[in-house]
Amino acid sequence: MLSDRLVEAINEQINFEMYSANIYFAMQAYCDSIDLDGFANFFKVQIQEENYHTSKFYDFLKTMGARIKIGAIEGPSNEYSSINEIFRIGLEHEKKVTSRIYNLMDMATEEKEHATISLLKWFIDEQVEEEDTFNKLIKKLDRIKENQAGIYMLDTELQARTFVQPTATNGN
């Protein structure tokens, strides 16, 4: 049985994952507003991933017999100055998510809550991948700078990105 403290922290993470999706919605809208469909698609896939993460935490609490509580979600910023800026903001956000997952893992480890530890291992691996994706795109954008041909080539590359739901593990 999960402690009240752990249930509360996972509920907070559910809401943070929904907030993450909203951040990426705002970034998708910015990309759409400047006619970069591939970049917009990148963030559309990010939204799908965040929604999957939300569901994964939700299903875990449900399976564990815990009460799920959905709270208010803060509105994201809608003001961006460039593609480079949104990816840097995205990376900083993913680092914040990683820190939150690590804190959950510390809590679950302290409580010797093995089912939660198993779940969180998946999220830790996911965060390594998320940060790597943003880092690689930032490096590409830094090399491209303001070269419009390079931006459109990367835009075309990102148009092909799709969401692939991970194979379920541990019943989640």
N, C-alpha and C. Protein backbone atom coordinates (compact mmCIF):
# COMPACT_ATOMS: atom_id res chain seq x y z
N MET A 1 0.84 -1.18 0.00
CA MET A 1 0.00 0.00 0.00
C MET A 1 0.88 1.24 0.00
N LEU A 2 0.51 2.19 -0.85
CA LEU A 2 1.29 3.42 -0.95
C LEU A 2 0.99 4.34 0.23
N SER A 3 2.02 5.02 0.69
CA SER A 3 1.83 6.00 1.75
C SER A 3 1.07 7.21 1.20
N ASP A 4 0.42 7.94 2.09
CA ASP A 4 -0.28 9.16 1.68
C ASP A 4 0.69 10.14 1.04
N ARG A 5 1.89 10.21 1.58
CA ARG A 5 2.91 11.12 1.07
C ARG A 5 3.28 10.78 -0.37
N LEU A 6 3.43 9.50 -0.67
CA LEU A 6 3.79 9.07 -2.02
C LEU A 6 2.62 9.26 -2.98
N VAL A 7 1.41 8.97 -2.53
CA VAL A 7 0.22 9.19 -3.37
C VAL A 7 0.10 10.67 -3.73
N GLU A 8 0.29 11.53 -2.74
CA GLU A 8 0.21 12.98 -2.99
C GLU A 8 1.27 13.41 -4.00
N ALA A 9 2.49 12.90 -3.85
CA ALA A 9 3.57 13.28 -4.76
C ALA A 9 3.31 12.78 -6.19
N ILE A 10 2.77 11.59 -6.33
CA ILE A 10 2.46 11.07 -7.67
C ILE A 10 1.30 11.85 -8.27
N ASN A 11 0.31 12.21 -7.47
CA ASN A 11 -0.77 13.06 -7.96
C ASN A 11 -0.23 14.40 -8.45
N GLU A 12 0.71 14.97 -7.72
CA GLU A 12 1.34 16.22 -8.16
C GLU A 12 2.05 16.01 -9.49
N GLN A 13 2.69 14.84 -9.66
CA GLN A 13 3.38 14.56 -10.92
C GLN A 13 2.39 14.39 -12.07
N ILE A 14 1.25 13.79 -11.80
CA ILE A 14 0.21 13.67 -12.83
C ILE A 14 -0.15 15.07 -13.34
N ASN A 15 -0.37 15.98 -12.41
CA ASN A 15 -0.71 17.35 -12.80
C ASN A 15 0.44 18.05 -13.51
N PHE A 16 1.67 17.75 -13.10
CA PHE A 16 2.83 18.36 -13.76
C PHE A 16 2.98 17.83 -15.18
N GLU A 17 2.67 16.56 -15.40
CA GLU A 17 2.72 16.00 -16.75
C GLU A 17 1.68 16.69 -17.65
N MET A 18 0.50 17.00 -17.09
CA MET A 18 -0.51 17.72 -17.87
C MET A 18 -0.03 19.14 -18.17
N TYR A 19 0.64 19.76 -17.20
CA TYR A 19 1.23 21.08 -17.42
C TYR A 19 2.28 21.00 -18.53
N SER A 20 3.07 19.95 -18.52
CA SER A 20 4.08 19.76 -19.56
C SER A 20 3.44 19.70 -20.94
N ALA A 21 2.34 18.97 -21.05
CA ALA A 21 1.62 18.90 -22.33
C ALA A 21 1.17 20.30 -22.76
N ASN A 22 0.70 21.10 -21.81
CA ASN A 22 0.26 22.46 -22.14
C ASN A 22 1.42 23.33 -22.61
N ILE A 23 2.57 23.17 -22.01
CA ILE A 23 3.76 23.91 -22.47
C ILE A 23 4.03 23.55 -23.93
N TYR A 24 3.99 22.27 -24.23
CA TYR A 24 4.28 21.84 -25.60
C TYR A 24 3.17 22.24 -26.57
N PHE A 25 1.92 22.35 -26.09
CA PHE A 25 0.85 22.89 -26.93
C PHE A 25 1.18 24.33 -27.33
N ALA A 26 1.63 25.11 -26.37
CA ALA A 26 1.99 26.51 -26.66
C ALA A 26 3.14 26.58 -27.65
N MET A 27 4.10 25.69 -27.51
CA MET A 27 5.24 25.68 -28.43
C MET A 27 4.80 25.22 -29.83
N GLN A 28 3.89 24.26 -29.87
CA GLN A 28 3.34 23.82 -31.16
C GLN A 28 2.63 24.99 -31.83
N ALA A 29 1.84 25.72 -31.07
CA ALA A 29 1.10 26.86 -31.62
C ALA A 29 2.06 27.93 -32.15
N TYR A 30 3.16 28.17 -31.44
CA TYR A 30 4.15 29.14 -31.91
C TYR A 30 4.72 28.68 -33.26
N CYS A 31 5.09 27.41 -33.35
CA CYS A 31 5.66 26.89 -34.59
C CYS A 31 4.66 26.97 -35.73
N ASP A 32 3.39 26.65 -35.43
CA ASP A 32 2.35 26.78 -36.46
C ASP A 32 2.21 28.23 -36.91
N SER A 33 2.36 29.17 -35.97
CA SER A 33 2.17 30.59 -36.30
C SER A 33 3.25 31.11 -37.23
N ILE A 34 4.41 30.43 -37.28
CA ILE A 34 5.48 30.87 -38.17
C ILE A 34 5.69 29.85 -39.31
N ASP A 35 4.66 29.04 -39.54
CA ASP A 35 4.61 28.11 -40.68
C ASP A 35 5.76 27.10 -40.70
N LEU A 36 6.12 26.59 -39.53
CA LEU A 36 7.11 25.52 -39.45
C LEU A 36 6.39 24.26 -38.99
N ASP A 37 5.77 23.59 -39.96
CA ASP A 37 4.94 22.43 -39.66
C ASP A 37 5.70 21.28 -39.03
N GLY A 38 6.95 21.07 -39.43
CA GLY A 38 7.75 19.98 -38.85
C GLY A 38 8.07 20.23 -37.39
N PHE A 39 8.44 21.46 -37.06
CA PHE A 39 8.69 21.80 -35.66
C PHE A 39 7.40 21.67 -34.86
N ALA A 40 6.28 22.12 -35.45
CA ALA A 40 4.98 21.96 -34.79
C ALA A 40 4.69 20.49 -34.55
N ASN A 41 5.01 19.65 -35.53
CA ASN A 41 4.80 18.21 -35.37
C ASN A 41 5.66 17.65 -34.25
N PHE A 42 6.90 18.13 -34.13
CA PHE A 42 7.76 17.69 -33.03
C PHE A 42 7.04 17.89 -31.70
N PHE A 43 6.46 19.07 -31.51
CA PHE A 43 5.80 19.36 -30.24
C PHE A 43 4.47 18.62 -30.11
N LYS A 44 3.81 18.35 -31.22
CA LYS A 44 2.60 17.53 -31.18
C LYS A 44 2.93 16.14 -30.62
N VAL A 45 4.05 15.58 -31.05
CA VAL A 45 4.49 14.28 -30.53
C VAL A 45 4.86 14.40 -29.06
N GLN A 46 5.49 15.51 -28.68
CA GLN A 46 5.80 15.73 -27.26
C GLN A 46 4.52 15.73 -26.42
N ILE A 47 3.48 16.36 -26.93
CA ILE A 47 2.19 16.39 -26.23
C ILE A 47 1.67 14.97 -26.03
N GLN A 48 1.74 14.16 -27.08
CA GLN A 48 1.28 12.78 -26.99
C GLN A 48 2.09 12.01 -25.95
N GLU A 49 3.39 12.25 -25.91
CA GLU A 49 4.24 11.58 -24.92
C GLU A 49 3.85 12.01 -23.51
N GLU A 50 3.63 13.30 -23.30
CA GLU A 50 3.26 13.79 -21.97
C GLU A 50 1.91 13.21 -21.55
N ASN A 51 0.98 13.12 -22.49
CA ASN A 51 -0.31 12.51 -22.17
C ASN A 51 -0.15 11.04 -21.81
N TYR A 52 0.75 10.35 -22.50
CA TYR A 52 1.03 8.96 -22.16
C TYR A 52 1.61 8.86 -20.74
N HIS A 53 2.53 9.77 -20.42
CA HIS A 53 3.13 9.78 -19.08
C HIS A 53 2.05 10.01 -18.01
N THR A 54 1.16 10.95 -18.29
CA THR A 54 0.05 11.22 -17.37
C THR A 54 -0.75 9.94 -17.14
N SER A 55 -1.09 9.27 -18.22
CA SER A 55 -1.88 8.03 -18.12
C SER A 55 -1.13 6.94 -17.38
N LYS A 56 0.16 6.87 -17.58
CA LYS A 56 0.97 5.84 -16.92
C LYS A 56 0.94 6.03 -15.40
N PHE A 57 1.12 7.27 -14.95
CA PHE A 57 1.03 7.55 -13.51
C PHE A 57 -0.40 7.32 -12.99
N TYR A 58 -1.38 7.78 -13.76
CA TYR A 58 -2.79 7.61 -13.38
C TYR A 58 -3.12 6.13 -13.21
N ASP A 59 -2.77 5.33 -14.21
CA ASP A 59 -3.06 3.89 -14.17
C ASP A 59 -2.35 3.20 -13.01
N PHE A 60 -1.14 3.68 -12.70
CA PHE A 60 -0.40 3.11 -11.58
C PHE A 60 -1.15 3.35 -10.26
N LEU A 61 -1.57 4.60 -10.04
CA LEU A 61 -2.30 4.90 -8.81
C LEU A 61 -3.60 4.11 -8.75
N LYS A 62 -4.29 4.01 -9.86
CA LYS A 62 -5.54 3.24 -9.91
C LYS A 62 -5.28 1.78 -9.56
N THR A 63 -4.25 1.19 -10.15
CA THR A 63 -3.90 -0.20 -9.89
C THR A 63 -3.54 -0.42 -8.42
N MET A 64 -2.91 0.58 -7.82
CA MET A 64 -2.50 0.49 -6.43
C MET A 64 -3.63 0.83 -5.45
N GLY A 65 -4.81 1.14 -5.98
CA GLY A 65 -5.95 1.44 -5.13
C GLY A 65 -5.90 2.80 -4.48
N ALA A 66 -5.13 3.71 -5.05
CA ALA A 66 -4.97 5.04 -4.47
C ALA A 66 -5.95 6.02 -5.12
N ARG A 67 -6.25 7.07 -4.42
CA ARG A 67 -7.15 8.12 -4.91
C ARG A 67 -6.40 9.05 -5.82
N ILE A 68 -6.94 9.27 -7.02
CA ILE A 68 -6.34 10.17 -8.00
C ILE A 68 -7.03 11.52 -7.88
N LYS A 69 -6.22 12.57 -7.81
CA LYS A 69 -6.78 13.91 -7.66
C LYS A 69 -6.17 14.82 -8.73
N ILE A 70 -7.05 15.40 -9.54
CA ILE A 70 -6.62 16.30 -10.60
C ILE A 70 -6.81 17.73 -10.12
N GLY A 71 -5.75 18.51 -10.25
CA GLY A 71 -5.79 19.89 -9.79
C GLY A 71 -5.76 20.87 -10.95
N ALA A 72 -5.76 22.14 -10.62
CA ALA A 72 -5.67 23.20 -11.62
C ALA A 72 -4.30 23.15 -12.27
N ILE A 73 -4.28 23.47 -13.55
CA ILE A 73 -3.02 23.44 -14.29
C ILE A 73 -2.69 24.87 -14.71
N GLU A 74 -1.51 25.30 -14.33
CA GLU A 74 -1.03 26.64 -14.66
C GLU A 74 -0.93 26.79 -16.18
N GLY A 75 -1.28 27.96 -16.68
CA GLY A 75 -1.15 28.23 -18.11
C GLY A 75 0.30 28.44 -18.49
N PRO A 76 0.69 27.97 -19.67
CA PRO A 76 2.08 28.13 -20.11
C PRO A 76 2.31 29.51 -20.73
N SER A 77 3.56 29.85 -20.91
CA SER A 77 3.90 31.05 -21.66
C SER A 77 3.54 30.82 -23.12
N ASN A 78 3.12 31.86 -23.78
CA ASN A 78 2.83 31.79 -25.22
C ASN A 78 3.74 32.71 -26.01
N GLU A 79 4.71 33.30 -25.34
CA GLU A 79 5.59 34.28 -25.99
C GLU A 79 6.98 33.69 -26.18
N TYR A 80 7.37 33.58 -27.44
CA TYR A 80 8.69 33.05 -27.78
C TYR A 80 9.29 33.94 -28.86
N SER A 81 10.61 34.01 -28.87
CA SER A 81 11.26 34.88 -29.85
C SER A 81 11.89 34.11 -31.00
N SER A 82 12.09 32.79 -30.83
CA SER A 82 12.74 32.02 -31.89
C SER A 82 12.58 30.53 -31.64
N ILE A 83 12.87 29.77 -32.67
CA ILE A 83 12.88 28.31 -32.56
C ILE A 83 13.95 27.89 -31.55
N ASN A 84 15.11 28.52 -31.62
CA ASN A 84 16.18 28.18 -30.69
C ASN A 84 15.72 28.36 -29.24
N GLU A 85 15.00 29.44 -28.98
CA GLU A 85 14.54 29.72 -27.62
C GLU A 85 13.59 28.63 -27.12
N ILE A 86 12.65 28.20 -27.96
CA ILE A 86 11.69 27.21 -27.45
C ILE A 86 12.37 25.88 -27.13
N PHE A 87 13.40 25.52 -27.88
CA PHE A 87 14.09 24.27 -27.57
C PHE A 87 14.92 24.39 -26.30
N ARG A 88 15.50 25.55 -26.06
CA ARG A 88 16.24 25.76 -24.81
C ARG A 88 15.27 25.75 -23.61
N ILE A 89 14.13 26.37 -23.77
CA ILE A 89 13.11 26.33 -22.72
C ILE A 89 12.63 24.90 -22.51
N GLY A 90 12.42 24.19 -23.62
CA GLY A 90 12.00 22.79 -23.54
C GLY A 90 13.00 21.93 -22.79
N LEU A 91 14.29 22.13 -23.07
CA LEU A 91 15.33 21.37 -22.37
C LEU A 91 15.31 21.69 -20.88
N GLU A 92 15.20 22.95 -20.52
CA GLU A 92 15.16 23.32 -19.11
C GLU A 92 13.94 22.70 -18.42
N HIS A 93 12.83 22.67 -19.14
CA HIS A 93 11.64 22.04 -18.58
C HIS A 93 11.88 20.55 -18.37
N GLU A 94 12.46 19.87 -19.34
CA GLU A 94 12.73 18.44 -19.20
C GLU A 94 13.69 18.17 -18.03
N LYS A 95 14.64 19.06 -17.80
CA LYS A 95 15.53 18.91 -16.64
C LYS A 95 14.74 19.02 -15.34
N LYS A 96 13.74 19.89 -15.33
CA LYS A 96 12.87 20.03 -14.16
C LYS A 96 12.07 18.74 -13.94
N VAL A 97 11.57 18.16 -15.05
CA VAL A 97 10.83 16.90 -14.95
C VAL A 97 11.76 15.82 -14.39
N THR A 98 12.98 15.75 -14.90
CA THR A 98 13.94 14.76 -14.41
C THR A 98 14.16 14.91 -12.92
N SER A 99 14.33 16.12 -12.45
CA SER A 99 14.53 16.38 -11.03
C SER A 99 13.33 15.89 -10.21
N ARG A 100 12.13 16.12 -10.73
CA ARG A 100 10.93 15.68 -10.03
C ARG A 100 10.86 14.15 -9.96
N ILE A 101 11.22 13.49 -11.06
CA ILE A 101 11.21 12.02 -11.09
C ILE A 101 12.25 11.49 -10.10
N TYR A 102 13.42 12.11 -10.08
CA TYR A 102 14.45 11.69 -9.11
C TYR A 102 13.95 11.84 -7.68
N ASN A 103 13.25 12.93 -7.40
CA ASN A 103 12.71 13.13 -6.05
C ASN A 103 11.69 12.06 -5.70
N LEU A 104 10.85 11.69 -6.67
CA LEU A 104 9.90 10.60 -6.45
C LEU A 104 10.64 9.29 -6.17
N MET A 105 11.71 9.05 -6.94
CA MET A 105 12.49 7.82 -6.74
C MET A 105 13.13 7.82 -5.36
N ASP A 106 13.66 8.95 -4.94
CA ASP A 106 14.24 9.04 -3.59
C ASP A 106 13.19 8.71 -2.53
N MET A 107 12.00 9.24 -2.71
CA MET A 107 10.92 9.00 -1.76
C MET A 107 10.53 7.52 -1.76
N ALA A 108 10.37 6.94 -2.94
CA ALA A 108 9.98 5.52 -3.04
C ALA A 108 11.07 4.62 -2.47
N THR A 109 12.32 4.97 -2.70
CA THR A 109 13.43 4.18 -2.17
C THR A 109 13.47 4.25 -0.66
N GLU A 110 13.29 5.47 -0.15
CA GLU A 110 13.26 5.67 1.31
C GLU A 110 12.15 4.84 1.96
N GLU A 111 11.01 4.74 1.28
CA GLU A 111 9.87 3.99 1.82
C GLU A 111 9.91 2.51 1.43
N LYS A 112 10.93 2.13 0.67
CA LYS A 112 11.07 0.75 0.19
C LYS A 112 9.79 0.30 -0.53
N GLU A 113 9.26 1.20 -1.37
CA GLU A 113 8.04 0.94 -2.11
C GLU A 113 8.45 0.44 -3.50
N HIS A 114 8.64 -0.87 -3.61
CA HIS A 114 9.25 -1.49 -4.78
C HIS A 114 8.43 -1.36 -6.06
N ALA A 115 7.12 -1.39 -5.97
CA ALA A 115 6.30 -1.22 -7.18
C ALA A 115 6.51 0.17 -7.77
N THR A 116 6.58 1.17 -6.92
CA THR A 116 6.81 2.53 -7.39
C THR A 116 8.21 2.67 -7.95
N ILE A 117 9.18 2.05 -7.31
CA ILE A 117 10.56 2.07 -7.82
C ILE A 117 10.60 1.48 -9.22
N SER A 118 9.91 0.38 -9.43
CA SER A 118 9.87 -0.25 -10.75
C SER A 118 9.29 0.70 -11.79
N LEU A 119 8.19 1.35 -11.46
CA LEU A 119 7.57 2.33 -12.36
C LEU A 119 8.54 3.46 -12.68
N LEU A 120 9.17 3.99 -11.66
CA LEU A 120 10.02 5.16 -11.82
C LEU A 120 11.29 4.87 -12.60
N LYS A 121 11.76 3.62 -12.58
CA LYS A 121 12.92 3.26 -13.42
C LYS A 121 12.61 3.53 -14.89
N TRP A 122 11.38 3.20 -15.30
CA TRP A 122 10.98 3.47 -16.68
C TRP A 122 11.04 4.97 -16.98
N PHE A 123 10.54 5.78 -16.03
CA PHE A 123 10.54 7.22 -16.23
C PHE A 123 11.95 7.81 -16.25
N ILE A 124 12.84 7.26 -15.46
CA ILE A 124 14.23 7.74 -15.46
C ILE A 124 14.85 7.50 -16.83
N ASP A 125 14.67 6.30 -17.37
CA ASP A 125 15.18 6.01 -18.71
C ASP A 125 14.55 6.94 -19.75
N GLU A 126 13.28 7.21 -19.61
CA GLU A 126 12.56 8.10 -20.52
C GLU A 126 13.14 9.51 -20.46
N GLN A 127 13.47 9.98 -19.28
CA GLN A 127 14.01 11.33 -19.14
C GLN A 127 15.40 11.46 -19.74
N VAL A 128 16.20 10.42 -19.66
CA VAL A 128 17.51 10.44 -20.32
C VAL A 128 17.30 10.66 -21.82
N GLU A 129 16.34 9.94 -22.39
CA GLU A 129 16.02 10.07 -23.81
C GLU A 129 15.48 11.46 -24.14
N GLU A 130 14.60 11.98 -23.31
CA GLU A 130 14.01 13.30 -23.55
C GLU A 130 15.09 14.39 -23.58
N GLU A 131 15.94 14.39 -22.57
CA GLU A 131 16.98 15.42 -22.51
C GLU A 131 17.94 15.28 -23.69
N ASP A 132 18.27 14.05 -24.06
CA ASP A 132 19.16 13.82 -25.20
C ASP A 132 18.55 14.36 -26.49
N THR A 133 17.26 14.13 -26.69
CA THR A 133 16.58 14.61 -27.90
C THR A 133 16.66 16.13 -27.99
N PHE A 134 16.35 16.82 -26.89
CA PHE A 134 16.42 18.27 -26.89
C PHE A 134 17.86 18.76 -27.09
N ASN A 135 18.82 18.13 -26.42
CA ASN A 135 20.22 18.54 -26.58
C ASN A 135 20.68 18.42 -28.02
N LYS A 136 20.34 17.32 -28.68
CA LYS A 136 20.75 17.12 -30.07
C LYS A 136 20.13 18.16 -31.00
N LEU A 137 18.86 18.47 -30.77
CA LEU A 137 18.21 19.47 -31.62
C LEU A 137 18.78 20.86 -31.37
N ILE A 138 19.12 21.17 -30.14
CA ILE A 138 19.75 22.47 -29.84
C ILE A 138 21.10 22.56 -30.55
N LYS A 139 21.88 21.50 -30.54
CA LYS A 139 23.17 21.50 -31.24
C LYS A 139 22.98 21.72 -32.74
N LYS A 140 21.98 21.07 -33.33
CA LYS A 140 21.70 21.27 -34.75
C LYS A 140 21.30 22.72 -35.01
N LEU A 141 20.43 23.25 -34.17
CA LEU A 141 19.99 24.64 -34.35
C LEU A 141 21.14 25.62 -34.17
N ASP A 142 22.05 25.33 -33.24
CA ASP A 142 23.22 26.19 -33.06
C ASP A 142 24.11 26.19 -34.30
N ARG A 143 24.23 25.02 -34.94
CA ARG A 143 25.04 24.95 -36.17
C ARG A 143 24.35 25.67 -37.33
N ILE A 144 23.03 25.55 -37.39
CA ILE A 144 22.26 26.17 -38.46
C ILE A 144 22.24 27.69 -38.31
N LYS A 145 22.17 28.16 -37.08
CA LYS A 145 21.99 29.57 -36.72
C LYS A 145 20.71 30.09 -37.37
N GLU A 146 20.77 31.12 -38.15
CA GLU A 146 19.57 31.69 -38.79
C GLU A 146 19.49 31.32 -40.27
N ASN A 147 20.24 30.30 -40.68
CA ASN A 147 20.22 29.87 -42.08
C ASN A 147 18.86 29.26 -42.41
N GLN A 148 18.08 29.97 -43.23
CA GLN A 148 16.72 29.54 -43.53
C GLN A 148 16.66 28.18 -44.21
N ALA A 149 17.61 27.90 -45.09
CA ALA A 149 17.62 26.59 -45.76
C ALA A 149 17.83 25.48 -44.74
N GLY A 150 18.72 25.70 -43.79
CA GLY A 150 18.97 24.70 -42.74
C GLY A 150 17.75 24.51 -41.85
N ILE A 151 17.08 25.59 -41.51
CA ILE A 151 15.88 25.51 -40.68
C ILE A 151 14.80 24.70 -41.40
N TYR A 152 14.62 24.97 -42.69
CA TYR A 152 13.60 24.24 -43.44
C TYR A 152 13.97 22.77 -43.64
N MET A 153 15.27 22.48 -43.75
CA MET A 153 15.68 21.07 -43.84
C MET A 153 15.36 20.34 -42.53
N LEU A 154 15.67 20.98 -41.40
CA LEU A 154 15.36 20.38 -40.10
C LEU A 154 13.84 20.29 -39.91
N ASP A 155 13.12 21.30 -40.38
CA ASP A 155 11.66 21.27 -40.32
C ASP A 155 11.12 20.05 -41.07
N THR A 156 11.67 19.77 -42.23
CA THR A 156 11.24 18.61 -43.01
C THR A 156 11.56 17.31 -42.27
N GLU A 157 12.73 17.26 -41.65
CA GLU A 157 13.13 16.07 -40.87
C GLU A 157 12.16 15.83 -39.71
N LEU A 158 11.78 16.89 -39.03
CA LEU A 158 10.91 16.75 -37.86
C LEU A 158 9.46 16.43 -38.24
N GLN A 159 9.09 16.68 -39.48
CA GLN A 159 7.75 16.36 -39.95
C GLN A 159 7.50 14.86 -39.90
N ALA A 160 8.56 14.07 -40.01
CA ALA A 160 8.43 12.60 -40.04
C ALA A 160 8.31 11.98 -38.65
N ARG A 161 8.51 12.75 -37.61
CA ARG A 161 8.46 12.21 -36.24
C ARG A 161 7.04 11.76 -35.89
N THR A 162 6.94 10.58 -35.29
CA THR A 162 5.64 10.06 -34.87
C THR A 162 5.73 9.56 -33.43
N PHE A 163 4.57 9.51 -32.79
CA PHE A 163 4.50 8.95 -31.44
C PHE A 163 4.32 7.44 -31.54
N VAL A 164 5.18 6.73 -30.86
CA VAL A 164 5.06 5.28 -30.77
C VAL A 164 4.90 4.96 -29.31
N GLN A 165 3.73 4.44 -28.96
CA GLN A 165 3.48 4.12 -27.55
C GLN A 165 4.42 3.00 -27.13
N PRO A 166 5.16 3.22 -26.04
CA PRO A 166 6.07 2.19 -25.56
C PRO A 166 5.34 0.90 -25.20
N THR A 167 6.04 -0.19 -25.32
CA THR A 167 5.48 -1.47 -24.94
C THR A 167 5.25 -1.45 -23.44
N ALA A 168 4.08 -1.88 -23.03
CA ALA A 168 3.74 -1.89 -21.60
C ALA A 168 4.66 -2.83 -20.84
N THR A 169 5.11 -2.35 -19.70
CA THR A 169 5.93 -3.18 -18.82
C THR A 169 5.32 -3.16 -17.43
N ASN A 170 5.49 -4.21 -16.71
CA ASN A 170 5.00 -4.29 -15.33
C ASN A 170 3.52 -3.98 -15.22
N GLY A 171 2.76 -4.29 -16.27
CA GLY A 171 1.32 -4.07 -16.22
C GLY A 171 0.90 -2.63 -16.34
N ASN A 172 1.84 -1.71 -16.61
CA ASN A 172 1.52 -0.28 -16.71
C ASN A 172 1.72 0.21 -18.12
